[in-house]
Amino acid sequence: MKLTVRRATILSGALWLAIGINLLLKGAHYLSKAASAVISGTHLEFSLIKKLTEYTKNPQQSVLILICFALIVGFFKGRVVFKRTVKRVIARIRDHAPTISLFRIYSKKFLLLILGMMGLGMTLKYLPLPDDVKGLIDFAVGVALINGATLYFREAFLEQKKSEL
C-alpha cells in the first residue's frame, strides 16, 4: 500500500497518539489503584504517594503532584527527545516522496528500538515495583508520545499549507 507523504506522516502521528493515550490511561489506572490502597490503608510496600502524603497530609494531593511531575517529564521528553526522532522519521518519509510504502515508513533499526521499548514496557508489568512508580512511568511516557504525535500532525498540516501555496 502506497501513501502520500502527508498521509504517512498523519498515520505515524495517529499511531503515536493511540499508543500514548493507551499508556496514559494505563498510568492513570496504576496511580488510582495505588492511591486507593494508601487511602484504605492496605498498601504495605514503599509508595511514592505514601511518602508524599507525609508532607501534603492528603493522598489526593500526593497523586496530583505525581501527575504534574509526569506531565512535566513527559512534555520535555516529547519536545526534546522525540522531536529528533520525529524529524528523522519525517525525513525518511520525504526521501521516498511522492509516495512511500506502508512498510518503509520506519527503518528496521527504529522498529527494533520500538520492539525493545515494548519489551521493557511488558517487563515493567511484572517487576516488583509499586503501582504508583509504574503509573508514573507509564503516564510520563504516554504524555511524551502524545506530544510527539502533535509534532507529526503539525508537520503534516504544514506540508498541506505548502502544497496549497
N, C-alpha and C. Protein backbone atom coordinates (compact mmCIF):
# COMPACT_ATOMS: atom_id res chain seq x y z
N MET A 1 0.84 -1.17 0.00
CA MET A 1 0.00 0.00 0.00
C MET A 1 0.89 1.24 0.00
N LYS A 2 0.67 2.12 -0.94
CA LYS A 2 1.45 3.35 -1.08
C LYS A 2 0.69 4.52 -0.45
N LEU A 3 1.42 5.34 0.29
CA LEU A 3 0.84 6.51 0.95
C LEU A 3 1.57 7.77 0.49
N THR A 4 0.84 8.88 0.45
CA THR A 4 1.49 10.15 0.18
C THR A 4 2.30 10.54 1.41
N VAL A 5 3.17 11.52 1.26
CA VAL A 5 3.99 11.99 2.38
C VAL A 5 3.10 12.45 3.52
N ARG A 6 2.08 13.21 3.19
CA ARG A 6 1.17 13.75 4.21
C ARG A 6 0.44 12.62 4.94
N ARG A 7 -0.09 11.67 4.20
CA ARG A 7 -0.84 10.57 4.83
C ARG A 7 0.07 9.68 5.68
N ALA A 8 1.27 9.44 5.22
CA ALA A 8 2.22 8.64 6.00
C ALA A 8 2.58 9.36 7.30
N THR A 9 2.72 10.68 7.23
CA THR A 9 3.03 11.46 8.42
C THR A 9 1.86 11.43 9.40
N ILE A 10 0.65 11.59 8.89
CA ILE A 10 -0.54 11.54 9.74
C ILE A 10 -0.71 10.15 10.34
N LEU A 11 -0.48 9.11 9.55
CA LEU A 11 -0.58 7.74 10.06
C LEU A 11 0.40 7.51 11.20
N SER A 12 1.62 7.97 11.03
CA SER A 12 2.63 7.81 12.07
C SER A 12 2.22 8.56 13.33
N GLY A 13 1.71 9.78 13.16
CA GLY A 13 1.24 10.55 14.31
C GLY A 13 0.06 9.89 15.00
N ALA A 14 -0.85 9.32 14.22
CA ALA A 14 -2.01 8.65 14.80
C ALA A 14 -1.59 7.42 15.60
N LEU A 15 -0.58 6.71 15.11
CA LEU A 15 -0.06 5.55 15.83
C LEU A 15 0.54 5.98 17.16
N TRP A 16 1.35 7.02 17.15
CA TRP A 16 1.95 7.52 18.39
C TRP A 16 0.86 8.01 19.35
N LEU A 17 -0.16 8.68 18.81
CA LEU A 17 -1.25 9.19 19.64
C LEU A 17 -2.00 8.04 20.31
N ALA A 18 -2.33 7.00 19.55
CA ALA A 18 -3.07 5.86 20.11
C ALA A 18 -2.27 5.16 21.21
N ILE A 19 -0.99 4.94 20.96
CA ILE A 19 -0.15 4.28 21.97
C ILE A 19 0.01 5.19 23.19
N GLY A 20 0.16 6.49 22.96
CA GLY A 20 0.30 7.44 24.06
C GLY A 20 -0.94 7.49 24.93
N ILE A 21 -2.11 7.52 24.32
CA ILE A 21 -3.36 7.52 25.09
C ILE A 21 -3.49 6.24 25.89
N ASN A 22 -3.14 5.11 25.27
CA ASN A 22 -3.20 3.83 25.97
C ASN A 22 -2.29 3.83 27.20
N LEU A 23 -1.06 4.30 27.05
CA LEU A 23 -0.13 4.34 28.18
C LEU A 23 -0.57 5.35 29.24
N LEU A 24 -1.12 6.47 28.81
CA LEU A 24 -1.61 7.47 29.75
C LEU A 24 -2.73 6.89 30.61
N LEU A 25 -3.67 6.20 29.98
CA LEU A 25 -4.77 5.58 30.72
C LEU A 25 -4.27 4.47 31.65
N LYS A 26 -3.31 3.69 31.17
CA LYS A 26 -2.72 2.63 31.99
C LYS A 26 -2.03 3.24 33.21
N GLY A 27 -1.29 4.32 33.01
CA GLY A 27 -0.62 5.00 34.11
C GLY A 27 -1.61 5.58 35.10
N ALA A 28 -2.69 6.17 34.60
CA ALA A 28 -3.72 6.73 35.48
C ALA A 28 -4.37 5.61 36.30
N HIS A 29 -4.57 4.45 35.68
CA HIS A 29 -5.14 3.31 36.40
C HIS A 29 -4.22 2.87 37.54
N TYR A 30 -2.92 2.74 37.25
CA TYR A 30 -1.96 2.36 38.29
C TYR A 30 -1.94 3.38 39.42
N LEU A 31 -1.95 4.67 39.09
CA LEU A 31 -1.93 5.71 40.12
C LEU A 31 -3.21 5.67 40.96
N SER A 32 -4.34 5.45 40.31
CA SER A 32 -5.61 5.36 41.02
C SER A 32 -5.63 4.16 41.97
N LYS A 33 -5.13 3.04 41.47
CA LYS A 33 -5.05 1.81 42.28
C LYS A 33 -4.15 2.02 43.50
N ALA A 34 -3.01 2.68 43.29
CA ALA A 34 -2.08 2.93 44.40
C ALA A 34 -2.68 3.90 45.41
N ALA A 35 -3.37 4.93 44.92
CA ALA A 35 -4.00 5.91 45.83
C ALA A 35 -5.08 5.25 46.66
N SER A 36 -5.88 4.38 46.03
CA SER A 36 -6.93 3.67 46.77
C SER A 36 -6.33 2.81 47.87
N ALA A 37 -5.22 2.16 47.57
CA ALA A 37 -4.56 1.31 48.57
C ALA A 37 -4.02 2.14 49.73
N VAL A 38 -3.47 3.32 49.44
CA VAL A 38 -2.95 4.19 50.50
C VAL A 38 -4.10 4.72 51.35
N ILE A 39 -5.19 5.14 50.71
CA ILE A 39 -6.33 5.69 51.44
C ILE A 39 -6.97 4.63 52.34
N SER A 40 -7.10 3.40 51.82
CA SER A 40 -7.73 2.33 52.61
C SER A 40 -6.77 1.73 53.63
N GLY A 41 -5.49 2.06 53.52
CA GLY A 41 -4.51 1.54 54.48
C GLY A 41 -4.03 0.14 54.17
N THR A 42 -4.29 -0.37 52.97
CA THR A 42 -3.87 -1.73 52.61
C THR A 42 -2.54 -1.76 51.89
N HIS A 43 -1.91 -0.61 51.71
CA HIS A 43 -0.64 -0.53 51.00
C HIS A 43 0.49 -0.85 51.96
N LEU A 44 1.20 -1.97 51.74
CA LEU A 44 2.22 -2.43 52.67
C LEU A 44 3.64 -2.08 52.25
N GLU A 45 3.87 -1.94 50.96
CA GLU A 45 5.24 -1.71 50.48
C GLU A 45 5.52 -0.21 50.34
N PHE A 46 6.71 0.10 49.83
CA PHE A 46 7.07 1.50 49.60
C PHE A 46 6.10 2.13 48.61
N SER A 47 5.77 3.38 48.84
CA SER A 47 4.86 4.08 47.95
C SER A 47 5.24 5.56 47.89
N LEU A 48 5.36 6.06 46.67
CA LEU A 48 5.61 7.49 46.49
C LEU A 48 4.45 8.31 47.05
N ILE A 49 3.25 7.82 46.85
CA ILE A 49 2.06 8.52 47.34
C ILE A 49 2.10 8.59 48.86
N LYS A 50 2.42 7.47 49.48
CA LYS A 50 2.50 7.42 50.95
C LYS A 50 3.58 8.38 51.45
N LYS A 51 4.73 8.39 50.78
CA LYS A 51 5.84 9.27 51.17
C LYS A 51 5.44 10.74 51.01
N LEU A 52 4.82 11.08 49.90
CA LEU A 52 4.39 12.47 49.68
C LEU A 52 3.28 12.88 50.65
N THR A 53 2.45 11.93 51.06
CA THR A 53 1.36 12.22 51.99
C THR A 53 1.90 12.66 53.35
N GLU A 54 3.11 12.26 53.68
CA GLU A 54 3.73 12.73 54.92
C GLU A 54 3.89 14.25 54.89
N TYR A 55 4.06 14.82 53.70
CA TYR A 55 4.25 16.27 53.57
C TYR A 55 2.95 17.00 53.24
N THR A 56 2.11 16.38 52.42
CA THR A 56 0.88 17.04 51.98
C THR A 56 -0.29 16.78 52.91
N LYS A 57 -0.23 15.71 53.67
CA LYS A 57 -1.31 15.27 54.57
C LYS A 57 -2.57 14.86 53.83
N ASN A 58 -2.46 14.67 52.51
CA ASN A 58 -3.63 14.31 51.72
C ASN A 58 -3.18 13.46 50.53
N PRO A 59 -3.63 12.19 50.46
CA PRO A 59 -3.22 11.31 49.36
C PRO A 59 -3.62 11.83 47.97
N GLN A 60 -4.78 12.50 47.90
CA GLN A 60 -5.21 13.03 46.60
C GLN A 60 -4.24 14.09 46.09
N GLN A 61 -3.76 14.94 47.01
CA GLN A 61 -2.77 15.95 46.60
C GLN A 61 -1.46 15.29 46.19
N SER A 62 -1.12 14.21 46.86
CA SER A 62 0.10 13.49 46.51
C SER A 62 0.02 12.92 45.09
N VAL A 63 -1.14 12.36 44.75
CA VAL A 63 -1.34 11.84 43.39
C VAL A 63 -1.28 12.98 42.38
N LEU A 64 -1.88 14.11 42.72
CA LEU A 64 -1.84 15.26 41.83
C LEU A 64 -0.41 15.74 41.60
N ILE A 65 0.41 15.72 42.63
CA ILE A 65 1.82 16.10 42.49
C ILE A 65 2.53 15.13 41.54
N LEU A 66 2.27 13.82 41.70
CA LEU A 66 2.89 12.83 40.81
C LEU A 66 2.44 13.02 39.36
N ILE A 67 1.16 13.32 39.17
CA ILE A 67 0.64 13.54 37.82
C ILE A 67 1.29 14.78 37.20
N CYS A 68 1.41 15.85 37.98
CA CYS A 68 2.07 17.07 37.47
C CYS A 68 3.52 16.78 37.11
N PHE A 69 4.21 16.02 37.95
CA PHE A 69 5.59 15.66 37.67
C PHE A 69 5.68 14.85 36.37
N ALA A 70 4.78 13.88 36.21
CA ALA A 70 4.77 13.05 34.99
C ALA A 70 4.46 13.90 33.76
N LEU A 71 3.56 14.87 33.90
CA LEU A 71 3.24 15.77 32.78
C LEU A 71 4.47 16.58 32.36
N ILE A 72 5.19 17.10 33.34
CA ILE A 72 6.38 17.91 33.04
C ILE A 72 7.46 17.05 32.38
N VAL A 73 7.73 15.88 32.96
CA VAL A 73 8.75 14.98 32.40
C VAL A 73 8.35 14.55 30.99
N GLY A 74 7.08 14.16 30.83
CA GLY A 74 6.59 13.73 29.52
C GLY A 74 6.65 14.83 28.49
N PHE A 75 6.30 16.05 28.90
CA PHE A 75 6.34 17.19 27.98
C PHE A 75 7.76 17.41 27.47
N PHE A 76 8.72 17.44 28.40
CA PHE A 76 10.10 17.70 27.97
C PHE A 76 10.69 16.53 27.18
N LYS A 77 10.31 15.31 27.54
CA LYS A 77 10.78 14.17 26.76
C LYS A 77 10.22 14.24 25.33
N GLY A 78 8.96 14.61 25.22
CA GLY A 78 8.34 14.73 23.91
C GLY A 78 8.95 15.84 23.08
N ARG A 79 9.25 16.97 23.72
CA ARG A 79 9.79 18.13 23.00
C ARG A 79 11.27 18.02 22.68
N VAL A 80 12.02 17.34 23.52
CA VAL A 80 13.47 17.27 23.32
C VAL A 80 13.88 15.97 22.65
N VAL A 81 13.54 14.85 23.27
CA VAL A 81 14.00 13.55 22.77
C VAL A 81 13.22 13.13 21.53
N PHE A 82 11.90 13.15 21.61
CA PHE A 82 11.09 12.67 20.50
C PHE A 82 11.09 13.62 19.31
N LYS A 83 11.42 14.89 19.53
CA LYS A 83 11.46 15.84 18.42
C LYS A 83 12.50 15.39 17.38
N ARG A 84 13.65 14.93 17.86
CA ARG A 84 14.69 14.44 16.93
C ARG A 84 14.22 13.18 16.21
N THR A 85 13.55 12.31 16.94
CA THR A 85 13.04 11.07 16.34
C THR A 85 12.02 11.38 15.26
N VAL A 86 11.10 12.28 15.57
CA VAL A 86 10.06 12.65 14.60
C VAL A 86 10.70 13.26 13.35
N LYS A 87 11.68 14.12 13.53
CA LYS A 87 12.36 14.73 12.38
C LYS A 87 13.02 13.67 11.50
N ARG A 88 13.64 12.67 12.14
CA ARG A 88 14.29 11.59 11.37
C ARG A 88 13.26 10.79 10.58
N VAL A 89 12.14 10.46 11.22
CA VAL A 89 11.11 9.67 10.53
C VAL A 89 10.51 10.48 9.38
N ILE A 90 10.24 11.75 9.61
CA ILE A 90 9.67 12.59 8.56
C ILE A 90 10.66 12.74 7.40
N ALA A 91 11.94 12.89 7.71
CA ALA A 91 12.96 12.96 6.65
C ALA A 91 12.97 11.67 5.85
N ARG A 92 12.83 10.54 6.52
CA ARG A 92 12.79 9.24 5.83
C ARG A 92 11.57 9.17 4.91
N ILE A 93 10.43 9.63 5.41
CA ILE A 93 9.21 9.62 4.60
C ILE A 93 9.40 10.51 3.37
N ARG A 94 9.96 11.69 3.56
CA ARG A 94 10.16 12.62 2.44
C ARG A 94 11.17 12.10 1.43
N ASP A 95 12.15 11.33 1.90
CA ASP A 95 13.15 10.76 0.99
C ASP A 95 12.51 9.79 -0.01
N HIS A 96 11.37 9.22 0.37
CA HIS A 96 10.68 8.27 -0.50
C HIS A 96 9.54 8.94 -1.28
N ALA A 97 9.49 10.27 -1.27
CA ALA A 97 8.41 11.00 -1.92
C ALA A 97 8.38 10.69 -3.41
N PRO A 98 7.27 10.79 -4.09
CA PRO A 98 5.99 11.31 -3.67
C PRO A 98 5.12 10.31 -2.91
N THR A 99 5.44 9.02 -3.01
CA THR A 99 4.68 8.03 -2.23
C THR A 99 5.66 7.11 -1.52
N ILE A 100 5.18 6.52 -0.43
CA ILE A 100 6.01 5.61 0.34
C ILE A 100 5.18 4.39 0.71
N SER A 101 5.81 3.25 0.69
CA SER A 101 5.14 2.02 1.10
C SER A 101 4.90 2.06 2.61
N LEU A 102 3.81 1.50 3.03
CA LEU A 102 3.46 1.45 4.44
C LEU A 102 4.57 0.80 5.26
N PHE A 103 5.26 -0.16 4.67
CA PHE A 103 6.29 -0.91 5.39
C PHE A 103 7.66 -0.22 5.38
N ARG A 104 7.77 0.92 4.71
CA ARG A 104 9.04 1.65 4.66
C ARG A 104 9.02 2.94 5.48
N ILE A 105 7.92 3.19 6.17
CA ILE A 105 7.84 4.42 6.98
C ILE A 105 8.93 4.42 8.05
N TYR A 106 9.08 3.30 8.72
CA TYR A 106 10.10 3.19 9.78
C TYR A 106 11.23 2.30 9.30
N SER A 107 12.44 2.64 9.70
CA SER A 107 13.60 1.81 9.36
C SER A 107 13.61 0.56 10.25
N LYS A 108 14.37 -0.45 9.83
CA LYS A 108 14.47 -1.68 10.64
C LYS A 108 15.06 -1.38 12.01
N LYS A 109 16.04 -0.49 12.04
CA LYS A 109 16.67 -0.10 13.30
C LYS A 109 15.63 0.53 14.25
N PHE A 110 14.77 1.39 13.71
CA PHE A 110 13.74 2.04 14.51
C PHE A 110 12.71 1.02 15.00
N LEU A 111 12.35 0.07 14.13
CA LEU A 111 11.39 -0.97 14.53
C LEU A 111 11.96 -1.84 15.65
N LEU A 112 13.26 -2.14 15.58
CA LEU A 112 13.91 -2.89 16.67
C LEU A 112 13.89 -2.10 17.97
N LEU A 113 14.09 -0.80 17.88
CA LEU A 113 14.02 0.06 19.06
C LEU A 113 12.61 0.03 19.66
N ILE A 114 11.60 0.10 18.81
CA ILE A 114 10.21 0.05 19.28
C ILE A 114 9.92 -1.29 19.95
N LEU A 115 10.38 -2.39 19.33
CA LEU A 115 10.19 -3.71 19.94
C LEU A 115 10.88 -3.79 21.30
N GLY A 116 12.07 -3.21 21.40
CA GLY A 116 12.77 -3.18 22.68
C GLY A 116 12.01 -2.41 23.74
N MET A 117 11.44 -1.26 23.35
CA MET A 117 10.65 -0.47 24.30
C MET A 117 9.38 -1.20 24.70
N MET A 118 8.77 -1.90 23.75
CA MET A 118 7.58 -2.69 24.09
C MET A 118 7.94 -3.79 25.08
N GLY A 119 9.09 -4.43 24.85
CA GLY A 119 9.56 -5.47 25.77
C GLY A 119 9.80 -4.91 27.16
N LEU A 120 10.41 -3.73 27.23
CA LEU A 120 10.63 -3.10 28.54
C LEU A 120 9.30 -2.78 29.22
N GLY A 121 8.34 -2.30 28.43
CA GLY A 121 7.02 -2.00 28.98
C GLY A 121 6.32 -3.23 29.52
N MET A 122 6.45 -4.34 28.80
CA MET A 122 5.84 -5.59 29.27
C MET A 122 6.56 -6.12 30.50
N THR A 123 7.87 -5.95 30.53
CA THR A 123 8.65 -6.38 31.69
C THR A 123 8.28 -5.55 32.91
N LEU A 124 8.03 -4.27 32.71
CA LEU A 124 7.65 -3.37 33.80
C LEU A 124 6.41 -3.88 34.53
N LYS A 125 5.52 -4.48 33.77
CA LYS A 125 4.28 -5.00 34.35
C LYS A 125 4.56 -6.07 35.40
N TYR A 126 5.61 -6.86 35.19
CA TYR A 126 5.89 -7.98 36.08
C TYR A 126 6.98 -7.70 37.11
N LEU A 127 7.63 -6.55 37.02
CA LEU A 127 8.64 -6.21 38.02
C LEU A 127 7.96 -5.88 39.35
N PRO A 128 8.62 -6.19 40.46
CA PRO A 128 8.01 -5.93 41.76
C PRO A 128 8.14 -4.45 42.17
N LEU A 129 7.64 -3.57 41.32
CA LEU A 129 7.64 -2.14 41.62
C LEU A 129 6.28 -1.73 42.15
N PRO A 130 6.24 -0.72 43.01
CA PRO A 130 4.94 -0.23 43.48
C PRO A 130 4.11 0.31 42.31
N ASP A 131 2.80 0.22 42.45
CA ASP A 131 1.90 0.65 41.38
C ASP A 131 2.06 2.13 41.04
N ASP A 132 2.35 2.96 42.05
CA ASP A 132 2.49 4.39 41.74
C ASP A 132 3.74 4.68 40.92
N VAL A 133 4.79 3.89 41.09
CA VAL A 133 6.00 4.06 40.27
C VAL A 133 5.70 3.62 38.84
N LYS A 134 5.02 2.48 38.68
CA LYS A 134 4.63 2.03 37.34
C LYS A 134 3.72 3.07 36.68
N GLY A 135 2.79 3.60 37.46
CA GLY A 135 1.86 4.60 36.93
C GLY A 135 2.57 5.87 36.50
N LEU A 136 3.54 6.30 37.30
CA LEU A 136 4.31 7.50 36.98
C LEU A 136 5.06 7.32 35.66
N ILE A 137 5.70 6.17 35.49
CA ILE A 137 6.46 5.89 34.26
C ILE A 137 5.53 5.83 33.05
N ASP A 138 4.46 5.05 33.15
CA ASP A 138 3.53 4.92 32.02
C ASP A 138 2.88 6.26 31.67
N PHE A 139 2.50 7.02 32.68
CA PHE A 139 1.87 8.32 32.45
C PHE A 139 2.83 9.26 31.73
N ALA A 140 4.08 9.33 32.19
CA ALA A 140 5.07 10.22 31.59
C ALA A 140 5.37 9.82 30.14
N VAL A 141 5.53 8.53 29.89
CA VAL A 141 5.81 8.07 28.52
C VAL A 141 4.59 8.32 27.62
N GLY A 142 3.39 8.12 28.15
CA GLY A 142 2.18 8.40 27.39
C GLY A 142 2.09 9.87 26.99
N VAL A 143 2.38 10.76 27.93
CA VAL A 143 2.37 12.20 27.64
C VAL A 143 3.41 12.52 26.57
N ALA A 144 4.59 11.93 26.68
CA ALA A 144 5.66 12.17 25.71
C ALA A 144 5.24 11.71 24.31
N LEU A 145 4.62 10.56 24.22
CA LEU A 145 4.18 10.05 22.91
C LEU A 145 3.08 10.93 22.31
N ILE A 146 2.16 11.38 23.14
CA ILE A 146 1.10 12.28 22.66
C ILE A 146 1.72 13.58 22.16
N ASN A 147 2.70 14.07 22.90
CA ASN A 147 3.41 15.28 22.48
C ASN A 147 4.14 15.05 21.16
N GLY A 148 4.76 13.89 21.01
CA GLY A 148 5.41 13.54 19.75
C GLY A 148 4.42 13.45 18.60
N ALA A 149 3.23 12.94 18.88
CA ALA A 149 2.19 12.84 17.85
C ALA A 149 1.80 14.22 17.35
N THR A 150 1.75 15.20 18.25
CA THR A 150 1.40 16.56 17.81
C THR A 150 2.45 17.11 16.85
N LEU A 151 3.70 16.70 17.04
CA LEU A 151 4.76 17.15 16.12
C LEU A 151 4.53 16.58 14.72
N TYR A 152 4.10 15.31 14.65
CA TYR A 152 3.77 14.70 13.35
C TYR A 152 2.61 15.45 12.69
N PHE A 153 1.56 15.70 13.47
CA PHE A 153 0.39 16.36 12.90
C PHE A 153 0.72 17.78 12.45
N ARG A 154 1.50 18.49 13.23
CA ARG A 154 1.90 19.85 12.86
C ARG A 154 2.65 19.82 11.53
N GLU A 155 3.56 18.87 11.39
CA GLU A 155 4.35 18.76 10.16
C GLU A 155 3.46 18.40 8.97
N ALA A 156 2.48 17.52 9.19
CA ALA A 156 1.57 17.12 8.11
C ALA A 156 0.74 18.31 7.63
N PHE A 157 0.28 19.12 8.55
CA PHE A 157 -0.54 20.26 8.16
C PHE A 157 0.29 21.40 7.57
N LEU A 158 1.54 21.52 7.99
CA LEU A 158 2.44 22.48 7.34
C LEU A 158 2.72 22.05 5.91
N GLU A 159 2.85 20.74 5.71
CA GLU A 159 3.06 20.17 4.37
C GLU A 159 1.87 20.51 3.48
N GLN A 160 0.66 20.41 4.04
CA GLN A 160 -0.55 20.72 3.28
C GLN A 160 -0.58 22.20 2.91
N LYS A 161 -0.23 23.07 3.84
CA LYS A 161 -0.23 24.51 3.55
C LYS A 161 0.79 24.85 2.46
N LYS A 162 1.96 24.20 2.51
CA LYS A 162 2.99 24.44 1.49
C LYS A 162 2.50 24.03 0.11
N SER A 163 1.77 22.91 0.05
CA SER A 163 1.29 22.42 -1.25
C SER A 163 0.16 23.28 -1.80
N GLU A 164 -0.57 23.97 -0.90
CA GLU A 164 -1.66 24.83 -1.35
C GLU A 164 -1.15 26.15 -1.91
N LEU A 165 0.05 26.56 -1.48
CA LEU A 165 0.61 27.86 -1.94
C LEU A 165 1.18 27.79 -3.29
